[in-house]
Each structure stands twice: as structure tokens, then as C-alpha cells.
């Protein structure tokens, strides 16, 4: 028996009385709130650019300890290390399992050839682990998602432009993860220097064809496309981090006090921290997770399954006369 297909020109039927299926959004919300959400972020940049401080400032919690050298006799790291720390952060009944991956030692040596390879390998390893769980015959009802959803890449505020290592690493990372560049310690530049530096970085990113997040998709509506364009115009975010609360005119603010005045981290006239926070947590958090699954992981999955298929075909004995 053929299934009934609604004509595209037919009027949309309206129930004659309340049915109740509009409550499905509340049902979905209830289940998601019980299960919680997972967000995995990796921070990449030289030691001393304030990676740990910025993460702690973003989530208004002490989540990560600094990995810098504290004594002159402490030897520098010989390779890029991967250090992950997990926390469960709750806000207004919403539970977020936050996995933060730090990369101490990245770019700290004179010869930095291949210093990005452990980072790319870690990201691919998380895709591989998820794929293995997905292909298991008796797989879990909810697969623990360790795939990296965002990479915050810290640019040294030299005022000159991207270093060759920045160009290479961002190009490599953009192929496997959503890359979000930030100019670290932006208070070391004047406002004019900051804008000139950002314009130069944008030109270099475009010249080297480095594709950064966010991406437009055919499913996006006009409002989403406009929001993505606003974000792209702000990239790279010029940010300042601070875990200290100071009082200004009796009002506590998160910032730093210098001999020249007070730097308010959450003042848009001082830096773009608020834009970065809104982007990461309030407007694009879910899209970062979905983009990782639908673009980066899907590309990895297709490549791996195709390789397995070719390997299986190569191992088959050829038929006589073939």
C-alpha cells in the first residue's frame, strides 16, 4: 500500500482541538538537561601568552593551572605535551562537562619543526576512538564524546603579523578542527596598533587560504549568516584575561590595575573578551559541536571506512579468469 504524500500546494492541516505534540521541545529539553552537555576545547600557543588565565576567565572558574616555568633552573620542555583536565560546570540547572586540553611546550624551542604533530595526532586520535565505539556491535547508548570541538589559537601580540609557524600550524589544524584565533595580551598594543595588527593577520589568513570557523551552511537562515559574518569581521579576537576582581568606584570588576589605570576585561572599549565569550558559549556552542560531528569527524570517518574497504578488497583472492 503506497504511503500518503502531502502535496506541496496542499494547505497545512490544523488540529480541531489541542493535541499536545508542541510539548516535544520541553520533553527533549528535559532529557538533555538530565544527561548534560559535553564541550571539548584545546588551547594552542606559546608559553606565557595567558592560555590558562583566559580559559579561567571565560568560564569564571579556576579550571586550569598555569604550565609556565617558575624558576630559572627549570628546563624547557623538549616536545609539545598534551595535558587534559575535565570539570563539570553547572549554571542555572544546565550541566556542562568541560574538557580542556592544554599544549605546554608548543613553539617554545629554537627549532619548532613538527611541534604541531602531537596536537594533530591527539585530535585525530579522539576521532578514531569515537569511530571505534561507534562501530562496536554492543555500543553504548550514549557514546562519550571526546572529539575536540574548538581550538583556541593564541597569537603573540608582536604587532608585525603571523610567524611562519603560525601560518603552518593554523593551516594544519583547520583541516581537522574548528580554529578560533585570538590575539593574546591585547593590552600590550595601543588601539590603533591592535586594529592594524588584526587587519594584517586577516590579510595573511586570506592569502594562505586558512579556513577558520564559523562556516556558512545551506541550512543557515539569514539571521545566522549575518551573525557568522559579524564574527568573521571580529576575528582574530583581541583579548585580555584576568582572574582578579578589583573595585572601581565601589563596583567589583574582573580586570587588572596598572600604573596608568584599570583594564576592565568585560569592557568592549578595552578588549574583545566579551565577544569571544558570547561567541563560544552563548551563540555558537551547539554549532561548534555539530560542525565537529558533521564536517571534521565525518571527513575522518569517510576516509577511514574507505581505507578499510580498499584494504578488504585488496585481501580478497581474485577469481579465475579475472
C-alpha atoms as a PDB file:
ATOM      1  CA  UNK A   1       0.000   0.000   0.000  1.00  0.00           C
ATOM      2  CA  UNK A   2       1.511   3.336  -1.055  1.00  0.00           C
ATOM      3  CA  UNK A   3       2.197   5.855   1.661  1.00  0.00           C
ATOM      4  CA  UNK A   4       0.271   9.106   1.545  1.00  0.00           C
ATOM      5  CA  UNK A   5       2.409  12.003   0.348  1.00  0.00           C
ATOM      6  CA  UNK A   6       1.343  15.548   1.123  1.00  0.00           C
ATOM      7  CA  UNK A   7       1.112  17.811  -1.887  1.00  0.00           C
ATOM      8  CA  UNK A   8       3.432  20.819  -1.647  1.00  0.00           C
ATOM      9  CA  UNK A   9       0.493  23.086  -2.537  1.00  0.00           C
ATOM     10  CA  UNK A  10      -1.957  21.497  -0.080  1.00  0.00           C
ATOM     11  CA  UNK A  11      -2.921  23.649   2.932  1.00  0.00           C
ATOM     12  CA  UNK A  12      -1.358  22.683   6.249  1.00  0.00           C
ATOM     13  CA  UNK A  13      -3.962  20.834   8.335  1.00  0.00           C
ATOM     14  CA  UNK A  14      -4.753  22.308  11.745  1.00  0.00           C
ATOM     15  CA  UNK A  15      -5.994  20.113  14.632  1.00  0.00           C
ATOM     16  CA  UNK A  16      -9.550  20.911  15.659  1.00  0.00           C
ATOM     17  CA  UNK A  17      -8.509  20.713  19.320  1.00  0.00           C
ATOM     18  CA  UNK A  18      -5.327  20.762  21.370  1.00  0.00           C
ATOM     19  CA  UNK A  19      -3.295  17.568  20.815  1.00  0.00           C
ATOM     20  CA  UNK A  20      -0.152  18.336  22.787  1.00  0.00           C
ATOM     21  CA  UNK A  21       2.733  17.457  20.456  1.00  0.00           C
ATOM     22  CA  UNK A  22       4.060  21.014  20.812  1.00  0.00           C
ATOM     23  CA  UNK A  23       5.403  19.870  24.191  1.00  0.00           C
ATOM     24  CA  UNK A  24       8.052  17.744  22.454  1.00  0.00           C
ATOM     25  CA  UNK A  25      10.566  20.585  22.803  1.00  0.00           C
ATOM     26  CA  UNK A  26      10.103  20.506  26.585  1.00  0.00           C
ATOM     27  CA  UNK A  27      10.475  16.711  26.570  1.00  0.00           C
ATOM     28  CA  UNK A  28      13.748  16.997  24.610  1.00  0.00           C
ATOM     29  CA  UNK A  29      14.972  19.769  26.904  1.00  0.00           C
ATOM     30  CA  UNK A  30      14.182  17.666  29.996  1.00  0.00           C
ATOM     31  CA  UNK A  31      16.152  14.673  28.667  1.00  0.00           C
ATOM     32  CA  UNK A  32      19.098  16.841  27.603  1.00  0.00           C
ATOM     33  CA  UNK A  33      19.220  18.610  30.961  1.00  0.00           C
ATOM     34  CA  UNK A  34      19.331  15.263  32.749  1.00  0.00           C
ATOM     35  CA  UNK A  35      22.113  13.985  30.512  1.00  0.00           C
ATOM     36  CA  UNK A  36      24.090  17.223  30.394  1.00  0.00           C
ATOM     37  CA  UNK A  37      26.318  18.516  27.623  1.00  0.00           C
ATOM     38  CA  UNK A  38      29.913  17.838  26.628  1.00  0.00           C
ATOM     39  CA  UNK A  39      32.270  20.520  25.293  1.00  0.00           C
ATOM     40  CA  UNK A  40      35.916  19.857  24.479  1.00  0.00           C
ATOM     41  CA  UNK A  41      38.318  22.710  23.770  1.00  0.00           C
ATOM     42  CA  UNK A  42      42.048  22.706  23.063  1.00  0.00           C
ATOM     43  CA  UNK A  43      44.238  25.778  23.593  1.00  0.00           C
ATOM     44  CA  UNK A  44      47.348  26.206  21.458  1.00  0.00           C
ATOM     45  CA  UNK A  45      50.036  28.850  21.807  1.00  0.00           C
ATOM     46  CA  UNK A  46      53.450  29.656  23.195  1.00  0.00           C
ATOM     47  CA  UNK A  47      54.102  29.525  26.924  1.00  0.00           C
ATOM     48  CA  UNK A  48      53.391  32.860  28.588  1.00  0.00           C
ATOM     49  CA  UNK A  49      50.541  34.050  26.370  1.00  0.00           C
ATOM     50  CA  UNK A  50      47.920  33.543  29.102  1.00  0.00           C
ATOM     51  CA  UNK A  51      46.124  30.428  27.844  1.00  0.00           C
ATOM     52  CA  UNK A  52      45.231  29.121  31.298  1.00  0.00           C
ATOM     53  CA  UNK A  53      44.217  32.571  32.524  1.00  0.00           C
ATOM     54  CA  UNK A  54      41.897  33.154  29.571  1.00  0.00           C
ATOM     55  CA  UNK A  55      40.159  29.786  29.999  1.00  0.00           C
ATOM     56  CA  UNK A  56      39.611  30.504  33.690  1.00  0.00           C
ATOM     57  CA  UNK A  57      38.288  33.980  32.809  1.00  0.00           C
ATOM     58  CA  UNK A  58      35.942  32.605  30.137  1.00  0.00           C
ATOM     59  CA  UNK A  59      34.183  30.209  32.498  1.00  0.00           C
ATOM     60  CA  UNK A  60      34.539  32.385  35.625  1.00  0.00           C
ATOM     61  CA  UNK A  61      36.087  29.432  37.477  1.00  0.00           C
ATOM     62  CA  UNK A  62      39.545  28.179  38.350  1.00  0.00           C
ATOM     63  CA  UNK A  63      39.734  25.263  35.934  1.00  0.00           C
ATOM     64  CA  UNK A  64      43.340  25.181  34.735  1.00  0.00           C
ATOM     65  CA  UNK A  65      46.669  25.776  36.481  1.00  0.00           C
ATOM     66  CA  UNK A  66      49.396  27.606  34.594  1.00  0.00           C
ATOM     67  CA  UNK A  67      52.030  25.370  32.969  1.00  0.00           C
ATOM     68  CA  UNK A  68      54.759  28.026  32.707  1.00  0.00           C
ATOM     69  CA  UNK A  69      58.253  27.824  34.164  1.00  0.00           C
ATOM     70  CA  UNK A  70      58.501  29.332  37.640  1.00  0.00           C
ATOM     71  CA  UNK A  71      62.250  29.055  38.302  1.00  0.00           C
ATOM     72  CA  UNK A  72      65.244  29.930  36.102  1.00  0.00           C
ATOM     73  CA  UNK A  73      66.767  26.477  36.507  1.00  0.00           C
ATOM     74  CA  UNK A  74      63.615  24.681  35.355  1.00  0.00           C
ATOM     75  CA  UNK A  75      64.440  23.109  31.959  1.00  0.00           C
ATOM     76  CA  UNK A  76      62.215  23.942  28.977  1.00  0.00           C
ATOM     77  CA  UNK A  77      60.039  21.165  27.606  1.00  0.00           C
ATOM     78  CA  UNK A  78      61.679  19.277  24.776  1.00  0.00           C
ATOM     79  CA  UNK A  79      58.433  18.485  22.973  1.00  0.00           C
ATOM     80  CA  UNK A  80      54.837  19.612  22.807  1.00  0.00           C
ATOM     81  CA  UNK A  81      52.917  17.902  25.592  1.00  0.00           C
ATOM     82  CA  UNK A  82      49.203  17.145  25.745  1.00  0.00           C
ATOM     83  CA  UNK A  83      47.552  17.705  29.120  1.00  0.00           C
ATOM     84  CA  UNK A  84      43.793  17.329  29.535  1.00  0.00           C
ATOM     85  CA  UNK A  85      41.706  18.305  32.548  1.00  0.00           C
ATOM     86  CA  UNK A  86      37.965  17.732  32.989  1.00  0.00           C
ATOM     87  CA  UNK A  87      35.397  19.592  35.077  1.00  0.00           C
ATOM     88  CA  UNK A  88      31.624  19.614  35.437  1.00  0.00           C
ATOM     89  CA  UNK A  89      30.310  23.182  35.495  1.00  0.00           C
ATOM     90  CA  UNK A  90      26.664  23.848  36.408  1.00  0.00           C
ATOM     91  CA  UNK A  91      24.773  27.051  35.613  1.00  0.00           C
ATOM     92  CA  UNK A  92      21.025  27.517  36.212  1.00  0.00           C
ATOM     93  CA  UNK A  93      20.428  23.766  36.181  1.00  0.00           C
ATOM     94  CA  UNK A  94      22.428  23.187  32.969  1.00  0.00           C
ATOM     95  CA  UNK A  95      25.308  20.750  33.443  1.00  0.00           C
ATOM     96  CA  UNK A  96      28.319  21.181  31.154  1.00  0.00           C
ATOM     97  CA  UNK A  97      31.096  18.586  31.159  1.00  0.00           C
ATOM     98  CA  UNK A  98      34.072  20.666  30.124  1.00  0.00           C
ATOM     99  CA  UNK A  99      37.246  19.020  28.850  1.00  0.00           C
ATOM    100  CA  UNK A 100      40.164  21.455  28.459  1.00  0.00           C
ATOM    101  CA  UNK A 101      43.286  20.323  26.636  1.00  0.00           C
ATOM    102  CA  UNK A 102      46.473  22.344  27.105  1.00  0.00           C
ATOM    103  CA  UNK A 103      49.579  22.051  24.924  1.00  0.00           C
ATOM    104  CA  UNK A 104      52.552  23.176  27.058  1.00  0.00           C
ATOM    105  CA  UNK A 105      55.854  23.303  25.199  1.00  0.00           C
ATOM    106  CA  UNK A 106      54.323  24.262  21.839  1.00  0.00           C
ATOM    107  CA  UNK A 107      56.559  26.654  19.901  1.00  0.00           C
ATOM    108  CA  UNK A 108      58.982  27.203  22.807  1.00  0.00           C
ATOM    109  CA  UNK A 109      62.131  25.839  21.177  1.00  0.00           C
ATOM    110  CA  UNK A 110      64.533  27.346  18.655  1.00  0.00           C
ATOM    111  CA  UNK A 111      63.774  24.538  16.202  1.00  0.00           C
ATOM    112  CA  UNK A 112      59.997  24.023  16.168  1.00  0.00           C
ATOM    113  CA  UNK A 113      59.805  21.618  13.238  1.00  0.00           C
ATOM    114  CA  UNK A 114      56.894  19.255  13.739  1.00  0.00           C
ATOM    115  CA  UNK A 115      55.844  20.775  17.071  1.00  0.00           C
ATOM    116  CA  UNK A 116      52.231  20.694  15.857  1.00  0.00           C
ATOM    117  CA  UNK A 117      52.233  16.956  15.096  1.00  0.00           C
ATOM    118  CA  UNK A 118      51.320  15.801  18.657  1.00  0.00           C
ATOM    119  CA  UNK A 119      48.347  18.202  18.590  1.00  0.00           C
ATOM    120  CA  UNK A 120      47.031  16.994  15.228  1.00  0.00           C
ATOM    121  CA  UNK A 121      47.612  13.382  16.315  1.00  0.00           C
ATOM    122  CA  UNK A 122      45.660  13.944  19.555  1.00  0.00           C
ATOM    123  CA  UNK A 123      42.689  15.406  17.661  1.00  0.00           C
ATOM    124  CA  UNK A 124      42.684  12.530  15.162  1.00  0.00           C
ATOM    125  CA  UNK A 125      43.036  10.002  17.998  1.00  0.00           C
ATOM    126  CA  UNK A 126      39.803  11.330  19.525  1.00  0.00           C
ATOM    127  CA  UNK A 127      38.027  10.875  16.177  1.00  0.00           C
ATOM    128  CA  UNK A 128      39.446   7.358  15.941  1.00  0.00           C
ATOM    129  CA  UNK A 129      38.335   6.470  19.483  1.00  0.00           C
ATOM    130  CA  UNK A 130      34.805   7.710  18.761  1.00  0.00           C
ATOM    131  CA  UNK A 131      34.689   5.765  15.484  1.00  0.00           C
ATOM    132  CA  UNK A 132      35.753   2.528  17.226  1.00  0.00           C
ATOM    133  CA  UNK A 133      32.999   2.955  19.813  1.00  0.00           C
ATOM    134  CA  UNK A 134      30.504   3.739  17.055  1.00  0.00           C
ATOM    135  CA  UNK A 135      31.369   0.579  15.102  1.00  0.00           C
ATOM    136  CA  UNK A 136      31.260  -1.715  18.159  1.00  0.00           C
ATOM    137  CA  UNK A 137      28.496  -4.331  17.940  1.00  0.00           C
ATOM    138  CA  UNK A 138      27.355  -3.728  21.530  1.00  0.00           C
ATOM    139  CA  UNK A 139      27.935   0.007  21.632  1.00  0.00           C
ATOM    140  CA  UNK A 140      26.911   2.267  24.485  1.00  0.00           C
ATOM    141  CA  UNK A 141      23.571   4.026  24.381  1.00  0.00           C
ATOM    142  CA  UNK A 142      25.364   7.367  24.695  1.00  0.00           C
ATOM    143  CA  UNK A 143      28.923   7.369  23.384  1.00  0.00           C
ATOM    144  CA  UNK A 144      31.244   9.537  25.479  1.00  0.00           C
ATOM    145  CA  UNK A 145      32.277  12.334  23.132  1.00  0.00           C
ATOM    146  CA  UNK A 146      35.963  13.224  23.422  1.00  0.00           C
ATOM    147  CA  UNK A 147      36.197  14.822  19.962  1.00  0.00           C
ATOM    148  CA  UNK A 148      37.713  18.302  20.096  1.00  0.00           C
ATOM    149  CA  UNK A 149      35.017  20.864  19.303  1.00  0.00           C
ATOM    150  CA  UNK A 150      37.106  24.041  19.294  1.00  0.00           C
ATOM    151  CA  UNK A 151      40.750  25.065  19.089  1.00  0.00           C
ATOM    152  CA  UNK A 152      41.579  28.492  20.514  1.00  0.00           C
ATOM    153  CA  UNK A 153      44.838  29.519  18.848  1.00  0.00           C
ATOM    154  CA  UNK A 154      46.849  32.209  20.667  1.00  0.00           C
ATOM    155  CA  UNK A 155      48.771  34.698  18.519  1.00  0.00           C
ATOM    156  CA  UNK A 156      51.720  36.567  20.008  1.00  0.00           C
ATOM    157  CA  UNK A 157      50.939  40.336  20.021  1.00  0.00           C
ATOM    158  CA  UNK A 158      54.108  41.327  18.162  1.00  0.00           C
ATOM    159  CA  UNK A 159      52.349  43.958  16.057  1.00  0.00           C
ATOM    160  CA  UNK A 160      54.087  42.676  12.921  1.00  0.00           C
ATOM    161  CA  UNK A 161      51.991  39.753  11.677  1.00  0.00           C
ATOM    162  CA  UNK A 162      51.825  35.982  11.787  1.00  0.00           C
ATOM    163  CA  UNK A 163      55.008  33.997  12.250  1.00  0.00           C
ATOM    164  CA  UNK A 164      55.683  31.218   9.714  1.00  0.00           C
ATOM    165  CA  UNK A 165      54.927  28.638  12.408  1.00  0.00           C
ATOM    166  CA  UNK A 166      51.501  30.250  12.998  1.00  0.00           C
ATOM    167  CA  UNK A 167      50.675  30.029   9.301  1.00  0.00           C
ATOM    168  CA  UNK A 168      51.688  26.364   9.081  1.00  0.00           C
ATOM    169  CA  UNK A 169      50.016  25.242  12.301  1.00  0.00           C
ATOM    170  CA  UNK A 170      46.701  27.023  11.721  1.00  0.00           C
ATOM    171  CA  UNK A 171      46.598  25.577   8.203  1.00  0.00           C
ATOM    172  CA  UNK A 172      47.178  22.058   9.567  1.00  0.00           C
ATOM    173  CA  UNK A 173      44.710  22.442  12.434  1.00  0.00           C
ATOM    174  CA  UNK A 174      41.938  23.966  10.304  1.00  0.00           C
ATOM    175  CA  UNK A 175      41.775  20.669   8.384  1.00  0.00           C
ATOM    176  CA  UNK A 176      40.789  18.684  11.496  1.00  0.00           C
ATOM    177  CA  UNK A 177      39.193  21.099  13.999  1.00  0.00           C
ATOM    178  CA  UNK A 178      37.332  24.413  14.329  1.00  0.00           C
ATOM    179  CA  UNK A 179      40.113  27.012  14.726  1.00  0.00           C
ATOM    180  CA  UNK A 180      39.392  30.292  16.551  1.00  0.00           C
ATOM    181  CA  UNK A 181      42.378  32.688  16.558  1.00  0.00           C
ATOM    182  CA  UNK A 182      42.856  35.231  19.350  1.00  0.00           C
ATOM    183  CA  UNK A 183      45.439  37.955  19.850  1.00  0.00           C
ATOM    184  CA  UNK A 184      46.743  37.292  23.351  1.00  0.00           C
ATOM    185  CA  UNK A 185      47.540  40.026  25.886  1.00  0.00           C
ATOM    186  CA  UNK A 186      45.998  42.678  23.662  1.00  0.00           C
ATOM    187  CA  UNK A 187      46.654  45.361  26.299  1.00  0.00           C
ATOM    188  CA  UNK A 188      50.298  45.351  25.148  1.00  0.00           C
ATOM    189  CA  UNK A 189      49.136  47.118  21.959  1.00  0.00           C
ATOM    190  CA  UNK A 190      47.514  50.520  21.553  1.00  0.00           C
ATOM    191  CA  UNK A 191      44.047  50.537  19.983  1.00  0.00           C
ATOM    192  CA  UNK A 192      45.481  51.782  16.667  1.00  0.00           C
ATOM    193  CA  UNK A 193      48.239  49.144  16.730  1.00  0.00           C
ATOM    194  CA  UNK A 194      45.695  46.473  17.593  1.00  0.00           C
ATOM    195  CA  UNK A 195      43.442  47.256  14.623  1.00  0.00           C
ATOM    196  CA  UNK A 196      46.402  47.436  12.241  1.00  0.00           C
ATOM    197  CA  UNK A 197      47.720  44.115  13.578  1.00  0.00           C
ATOM    198  CA  UNK A 198      44.317  42.441  13.195  1.00  0.00           C
ATOM    199  CA  UNK A 199      43.943  43.715   9.611  1.00  0.00           C
ATOM    200  CA  UNK A 200      47.385  42.350   8.743  1.00  0.00           C
ATOM    201  CA  UNK A 201      46.526  38.944  10.233  1.00  0.00           C
ATOM    202  CA  UNK A 202      43.244  38.817   8.302  1.00  0.00           C
ATOM    203  CA  UNK A 203      45.109  39.543   5.061  1.00  0.00           C
ATOM    204  CA  UNK A 204      47.656  36.813   5.781  1.00  0.00           C
ATOM    205  CA  UNK A 205      44.962  34.273   6.673  1.00  0.00           C
ATOM    206  CA  UNK A 206      43.171  35.025   3.415  1.00  0.00           C
ATOM    207  CA  UNK A 207      46.414  34.903   1.408  1.00  0.00           C
ATOM    208  CA  UNK A 208      47.359  31.491   2.826  1.00  0.00           C
ATOM    209  CA  UNK A 209      43.760  30.222   2.397  1.00  0.00           C
ATOM    210  CA  UNK A 210      43.393  29.266   6.047  1.00  0.00           C
ATOM    211  CA  UNK A 211      39.724  28.416   6.588  1.00  0.00           C
ATOM    212  CA  UNK A 212      38.575  29.430  10.031  1.00  0.00           C
ATOM    213  CA  UNK A 213      35.354  28.819  11.925  1.00  0.00           C
ATOM    214  CA  UNK A 214      32.452  29.782  11.628  1.00  0.00           C
ATOM    215  CA  UNK A 215      31.354  28.232   8.342  1.00  0.00           C
ATOM    216  CA  UNK A 216      28.135  29.040   6.494  1.00  0.00           C
ATOM    217  CA  UNK A 217      25.926  26.116   5.503  1.00  0.00           C
ATOM    218  CA  UNK A 218      22.906  25.843   3.244  1.00  0.00           C
ATOM    219  CA  UNK A 219      20.740  25.207   6.326  1.00  0.00           C
ATOM    220  CA  UNK A 220      21.560  28.610   7.849  1.00  0.00           C
ATOM    221  CA  UNK A 221      18.907  31.295   7.702  1.00  0.00           C
ATOM    222  CA  UNK A 222      19.591  34.983   7.028  1.00  0.00           C
ATOM    223  CA  UNK A 223      19.961  35.788  10.739  1.00  0.00           C
ATOM    224  CA  UNK A 224      22.545  33.027  11.264  1.00  0.00           C
ATOM    225  CA  UNK A 225      24.524  34.095   8.202  1.00  0.00           C
ATOM    226  CA  UNK A 226      24.565  37.681   9.410  1.00  0.00           C
ATOM    227  CA  UNK A 227      25.752  36.564  12.865  1.00  0.00           C
ATOM    228  CA  UNK A 228      28.536  34.475  11.297  1.00  0.00           C
ATOM    229  CA  UNK A 229      29.626  37.445   9.212  1.00  0.00           C
ATOM    230  CA  UNK A 230      29.786  39.647  12.307  1.00  0.00           C
ATOM    231  CA  UNK A 231      32.012  37.057  13.992  1.00  0.00           C
ATOM    232  CA  UNK A 232      34.295  36.795  10.956  1.00  0.00           C
ATOM    233  CA  UNK A 233      34.738  40.571  10.955  1.00  0.00           C
ATOM    234  CA  UNK A 234      35.925  40.403  14.587  1.00  0.00           C
ATOM    235  CA  UNK A 235      38.464  37.616  14.006  1.00  0.00           C
ATOM    236  CA  UNK A 236      41.029  37.366  15.462  1.00  0.00           C
ATOM    237  CA  UNK A 237      39.574  38.357  18.836  1.00  0.00           C
ATOM    238  CA  UNK A 238      41.876  40.747  20.727  1.00  0.00           C
ATOM    239  CA  UNK A 239      41.573  39.505  24.315  1.00  0.00           C
ATOM    240  CA  UNK A 240      42.816  40.124  27.829  1.00  0.00           C
ATOM    241  CA  UNK A 241      42.427  37.617  30.645  1.00  0.00           C
ATOM    242  CA  UNK A 242      42.286  38.189  34.393  1.00  0.00           C
ATOM    243  CA  UNK A 243      41.217  36.073  37.343  1.00  0.00           C
ATOM    244  CA  UNK A 244      41.312  39.005  39.766  1.00  0.00           C
ATOM    245  CA  UNK A 245      38.362  41.078  40.919  1.00  0.00           C
ATOM    246  CA  UNK A 246      39.145  44.721  41.659  1.00  0.00           C
ATOM    247  CA  UNK A 247      36.914  47.540  42.853  1.00  0.00           C
ATOM    248  CA  UNK A 248      36.291  50.627  40.752  1.00  0.00           C
ATOM    249  CA  UNK A 249      34.050  53.277  42.340  1.00  0.00           C
ATOM    250  CA  UNK A 250      32.745  50.617  44.710  1.00  0.00           C
ATOM    251  CA  UNK A 251      31.831  48.243  41.890  1.00  0.00           C
ATOM    252  CA  UNK A 252      33.742  44.923  41.599  1.00  0.00           C
ATOM    253  CA  UNK A 253      35.015  44.210  38.093  1.00  0.00           C
ATOM    254  CA  UNK A 254      37.179  41.497  36.577  1.00  0.00           C
ATOM    255  CA  UNK A 255      40.349  43.134  35.377  1.00  0.00           C
ATOM    256  CA  UNK A 256      43.825  44.435  36.119  1.00  0.00           C
ATOM    257  CA  UNK A 257      45.073  47.607  37.721  1.00  0.00           C
ATOM    258  CA  UNK A 258      48.173  49.250  36.239  1.00  0.00           C
ATOM    259  CA  UNK A 259      50.028  52.479  36.939  1.00  0.00           C
ATOM    260  CA  UNK A 260      48.129  54.011  34.008  1.00  0.00           C
ATOM    261  CA  UNK A 261      44.647  52.961  35.076  1.00  0.00           C
ATOM    262  CA  UNK A 262      42.305  49.993  35.219  1.00  0.00           C
ATOM    263  CA  UNK A 263      41.818  47.433  32.449  1.00  0.00           C
ATOM    264  CA  UNK A 264      38.302  46.013  32.558  1.00  0.00           C
ATOM    265  CA  UNK A 265      38.244  42.630  30.842  1.00  0.00           C
ATOM    266  CA  UNK A 266      34.495  42.883  30.208  1.00  0.00           C
ATOM    267  CA  UNK A 267      34.584  46.427  28.789  1.00  0.00           C
ATOM    268  CA  UNK A 268      34.258  46.265  24.990  1.00  0.00           C
ATOM    269  CA  UNK A 269      36.226  49.519  24.732  1.00  0.00           C
ATOM    270  CA  UNK A 270      39.225  47.774  26.329  1.00  0.00           C
ATOM    271  CA  UNK A 271      39.231  44.386  24.543  1.00  0.00           C
ATOM    272  CA  UNK A 272      37.056  41.855  22.730  1.00  0.00           C
ATOM    273  CA  UNK A 273      36.825  39.297  25.515  1.00  0.00           C
ATOM    274  CA  UNK A 274      33.035  39.711  25.792  1.00  0.00           C
ATOM    275  CA  UNK A 275      32.638  38.997  22.066  1.00  0.00           C
ATOM    276  CA  UNK A 276      34.747  35.837  22.390  1.00  0.00           C
ATOM    277  CA  UNK A 277      32.788  34.645  25.435  1.00  0.00           C
ATOM    278  CA  UNK A 278      29.428  35.299  23.786  1.00  0.00           C
ATOM    279  CA  UNK A 279      30.607  33.534  20.642  1.00  0.00           C
ATOM    280  CA  UNK A 280      31.936  30.448  22.425  1.00  0.00           C
ATOM    281  CA  UNK A 281      29.173  29.985  24.996  1.00  0.00           C
ATOM    282  CA  UNK A 282      26.048  31.947  24.085  1.00  0.00           C
ATOM    283  CA  UNK A 283      25.657  31.845  20.290  1.00  0.00           C
ATOM    284  CA  UNK A 284      27.857  29.117  18.744  1.00  0.00           C
ATOM    285  CA  UNK A 285      28.398  26.442  21.404  1.00  0.00           C
ATOM    286  CA  UNK A 286      25.946  23.966  19.879  1.00  0.00           C
ATOM    287  CA  UNK A 287      27.072  24.793  16.349  1.00  0.00           C
ATOM    288  CA  UNK A 288      30.705  24.082  17.284  1.00  0.00           C
ATOM    289  CA  UNK A 289      29.644  20.631  18.495  1.00  0.00           C
ATOM    290  CA  UNK A 290      27.530  19.961  15.388  1.00  0.00           C
ATOM    291  CA  UNK A 291      30.194  21.236  12.972  1.00  0.00           C
ATOM    292  CA  UNK A 292      32.747  18.912  14.564  1.00  0.00           C
ATOM    293  CA  UNK A 293      30.425  15.927  14.053  1.00  0.00           C
ATOM    294  CA  UNK A 294      29.118  16.835  10.594  1.00  0.00           C
ATOM    295  CA  UNK A 295      32.261  18.195   8.935  1.00  0.00           C
ATOM    296  CA  UNK A 296      35.532  17.257  10.649  1.00  0.00           C
ATOM    297  CA  UNK A 297      34.539  13.885  12.099  1.00  0.00           C
ATOM    298  CA  UNK A 298      32.521  12.927   9.022  1.00  0.00           C
ATOM    299  CA  UNK A 299      35.532  13.618   6.768  1.00  0.00           C
ATOM    300  CA  UNK A 300      37.737  11.490   9.045  1.00  0.00           C
ATOM    301  CA  UNK A 301      35.112   8.717   9.253  1.00  0.00           C
ATOM    302  CA  UNK A 302      34.611   8.553   5.474  1.00  0.00           C
ATOM    303  CA  UNK A 303      38.360   8.388   4.880  1.00  0.00           C
ATOM    304  CA  UNK A 304      38.852   5.614   7.439  1.00  0.00           C
ATOM    305  CA  UNK A 305      35.926   3.494   6.227  1.00  0.00           C
ATOM    306  CA  UNK A 306      37.044   3.877   2.608  1.00  0.00           C
ATOM    307  CA  UNK A 307      40.546   2.754   3.588  1.00  0.00           C
ATOM    308  CA  UNK A 308      39.099  -0.290   5.382  1.00  0.00           C
ATOM    309  CA  UNK A 309      37.022  -1.150   2.320  1.00  0.00           C
ATOM    310  CA  UNK A 310      40.017  -0.879  -0.021  1.00  0.00           C
ATOM    311  CA  UNK A 311      42.089  -2.965   2.377  1.00  0.00           C
ATOM    312  CA  UNK A 312      39.403  -5.662   2.484  1.00  0.00           C
ATOM    313  CA  UNK A 313      39.095  -5.701  -1.328  1.00  0.00           C
ATOM    314  CA  UNK A 314      42.856  -5.953  -1.714  1.00  0.00           C
ATOM    315  CA  UNK A 315      42.890  -9.024   0.556  1.00  0.00           C
ATOM    316  CA  UNK A 316      40.250 -10.928  -1.439  1.00  0.00           C
ATOM    317  CA  UNK A 317      41.556 -13.677  -3.776  1.00  0.00           C
ATOM    318  CA  UNK A 318      40.928 -12.854  -7.436  1.00  0.00           C
ATOM    319  CA  UNK A 319      38.527 -15.113  -9.385  1.00  0.00           C
ATOM    320  CA  UNK A 320      39.870 -17.360 -12.145  1.00  0.00           C
ATOM    321  CA  UNK A 321      39.907 -15.638 -15.491  1.00  0.00           C
ATOM    322  CA  UNK A 322      39.642 -12.209 -13.956  1.00  0.00           C
END
